[in-house]
């Protein structure tokens, strides 16, 4: 079950425009290393969210290697995509964010650095 991803707006629609595309190909399950990496990423996203969301950060901005553009992912969509990857070997198809304000998103590297700074500050007390 995909509790963390938005419901497909065309689910149960007999006129679903994607029906002409056919069924998605089955994909191979993640390797143990890929699964561990996805689980680590999921844990990171939870920490990032817990520290950054109260500061007004809505999610992460990720560079897309396929199109070369930035993609903006809210926290729930990130979590849902990672769980989908872990459980089914690929992320859920989703709509891109609608006119996201880049000022409300940070890169993975920024989020990681922020968490590291919080940890360093706590350790130095």
Protein backbone atom coordinates (compact mmCIF):
# COMPACT_ATOMS: atom_id res chain seq x y z
CA UNK A 1 0.00 0.00 0.00
CA UNK A 2 1.24 3.48 -0.84
CA UNK A 3 0.06 5.50 2.14
CA UNK A 4 2.55 8.32 1.64
CA UNK A 5 1.92 9.17 -1.99
CA UNK A 6 -0.98 11.17 -3.35
CA UNK A 7 -3.80 9.17 -4.91
CA UNK A 8 -3.60 8.84 -8.70
CA UNK A 9 -6.11 11.40 -10.02
CA UNK A 10 -7.04 8.97 -12.83
CA UNK A 11 -7.45 5.90 -10.63
CA UNK A 12 -10.58 3.99 -11.63
CA UNK A 13 -11.20 6.43 -14.51
CA UNK A 14 -12.22 4.52 -17.66
CA UNK A 15 -10.91 7.47 -19.73
CA UNK A 16 -7.47 7.48 -18.10
CA UNK A 17 -5.19 9.11 -20.69
CA UNK A 18 -2.25 6.97 -19.55
CA UNK A 19 -4.07 3.74 -20.40
CA UNK A 20 -2.70 3.95 -23.94
CA UNK A 21 0.82 3.65 -22.54
CA UNK A 22 0.14 0.14 -21.26
CA UNK A 23 1.36 -1.44 -18.07
CA UNK A 24 4.65 -0.44 -16.50
CA UNK A 25 7.45 -2.89 -16.98
CA UNK A 26 8.26 -4.97 -13.95
CA UNK A 27 11.48 -3.85 -12.41
CA UNK A 28 14.07 -5.79 -10.52
CA UNK A 29 14.02 -5.44 -6.75
CA UNK A 30 16.73 -3.30 -5.27
CA UNK A 31 20.01 -4.95 -4.45
CA UNK A 32 20.89 -5.16 -0.77
CA UNK A 33 23.27 -2.20 -1.17
CA UNK A 34 20.63 -0.13 -3.00
CA UNK A 35 18.05 -0.98 -0.36
CA UNK A 36 20.42 0.03 2.45
CA UNK A 37 21.17 3.31 0.65
CA UNK A 38 17.44 4.02 0.23
CA UNK A 39 16.81 3.25 3.92
CA UNK A 40 19.64 5.61 4.87
CA UNK A 41 18.19 8.30 2.58
CA UNK A 42 14.77 7.81 4.16
CA UNK A 43 16.22 8.25 7.64
CA UNK A 44 18.09 11.36 6.44
CA UNK A 45 14.90 12.85 5.00
CA UNK A 46 13.15 12.35 8.35
CA UNK A 47 15.96 14.16 10.19
CA UNK A 48 16.14 16.91 7.57
CA UNK A 49 12.40 17.45 7.84
CA UNK A 50 12.38 17.52 11.64
CA UNK A 51 15.03 20.26 11.68
CA UNK A 52 14.19 22.27 8.55
CA UNK A 53 10.40 22.21 8.30
CA UNK A 54 9.97 24.36 11.45
CA UNK A 55 12.23 26.91 9.69
CA UNK A 56 9.88 27.10 6.70
CA UNK A 57 11.68 24.66 4.38
CA UNK A 58 9.08 22.74 2.38
CA UNK A 59 11.38 20.06 0.97
CA UNK A 60 14.43 19.44 -1.15
CA UNK A 61 15.57 20.62 -4.56
CA UNK A 62 17.31 17.85 -6.49
CA UNK A 63 19.21 18.06 -9.77
CA UNK A 64 17.78 15.76 -12.41
CA UNK A 65 20.52 13.95 -14.35
CA UNK A 66 18.08 13.14 -17.16
CA UNK A 67 16.83 16.64 -17.98
CA UNK A 68 19.44 18.79 -16.22
CA UNK A 69 16.80 20.81 -14.38
CA UNK A 70 16.02 21.25 -10.70
CA UNK A 71 13.08 19.30 -9.30
CA UNK A 72 11.35 20.33 -6.09
CA UNK A 73 10.06 17.64 -3.76
CA UNK A 74 7.96 18.22 -0.67
CA UNK A 75 8.74 16.15 2.41
CA UNK A 76 5.80 13.76 1.99
CA UNK A 77 6.58 13.12 -1.67
CA UNK A 78 10.25 12.45 -0.85
CA UNK A 79 9.29 10.01 1.88
CA UNK A 80 6.70 8.33 -0.33
CA UNK A 81 9.12 7.98 -3.26
CA UNK A 82 11.78 6.41 -1.05
CA UNK A 83 9.31 3.96 0.48
CA UNK A 84 8.05 3.09 -2.98
CA UNK A 85 11.66 2.46 -4.09
CA UNK A 86 12.32 0.27 -1.07
CA UNK A 87 9.12 -1.74 -1.50
CA UNK A 88 8.80 -1.88 -5.29
CA UNK A 89 12.17 -0.98 -6.83
CA UNK A 90 11.14 2.33 -8.40
CA UNK A 91 9.59 5.62 -7.31
CA UNK A 92 5.92 6.37 -7.82
CA UNK A 93 5.07 8.45 -10.87
CA UNK A 94 4.11 11.90 -9.66
CA UNK A 95 3.32 15.39 -10.82
CA UNK A 96 6.06 17.98 -10.41
CA UNK A 97 5.54 20.73 -7.88
CA UNK A 98 3.36 23.50 -9.30
CA UNK A 99 5.32 26.74 -9.49
CA UNK A 100 7.44 26.04 -6.42
CA UNK A 101 9.15 28.94 -4.73
CA UNK A 102 12.85 27.95 -4.75
CA UNK A 103 13.35 30.01 -1.59
CA UNK A 104 11.42 27.33 0.33
CA UNK A 105 13.54 24.37 -0.81
CA UNK A 106 17.15 23.43 -0.09
CA UNK A 107 19.58 21.02 -1.68
CA UNK A 108 20.44 17.66 -0.15
CA UNK A 109 23.95 18.97 0.51
CA UNK A 110 22.61 22.03 2.33
CA UNK A 111 20.30 19.87 4.45
CA UNK A 112 23.17 17.49 5.29
CA UNK A 113 25.41 20.43 6.23
CA UNK A 114 22.66 21.93 8.39
CA UNK A 115 22.22 18.66 10.28
CA UNK A 116 25.98 18.33 10.72
CA UNK A 117 26.08 21.89 12.11
CA UNK A 118 23.31 21.14 14.59
CA UNK A 119 25.13 17.98 15.72
CA UNK A 120 28.45 19.84 16.08
CA UNK A 121 26.76 22.59 18.11
CA UNK A 122 25.13 20.06 20.43
CA UNK A 123 28.41 18.16 20.91
CA UNK A 124 30.33 21.33 21.77
CA UNK A 125 27.97 22.20 24.64
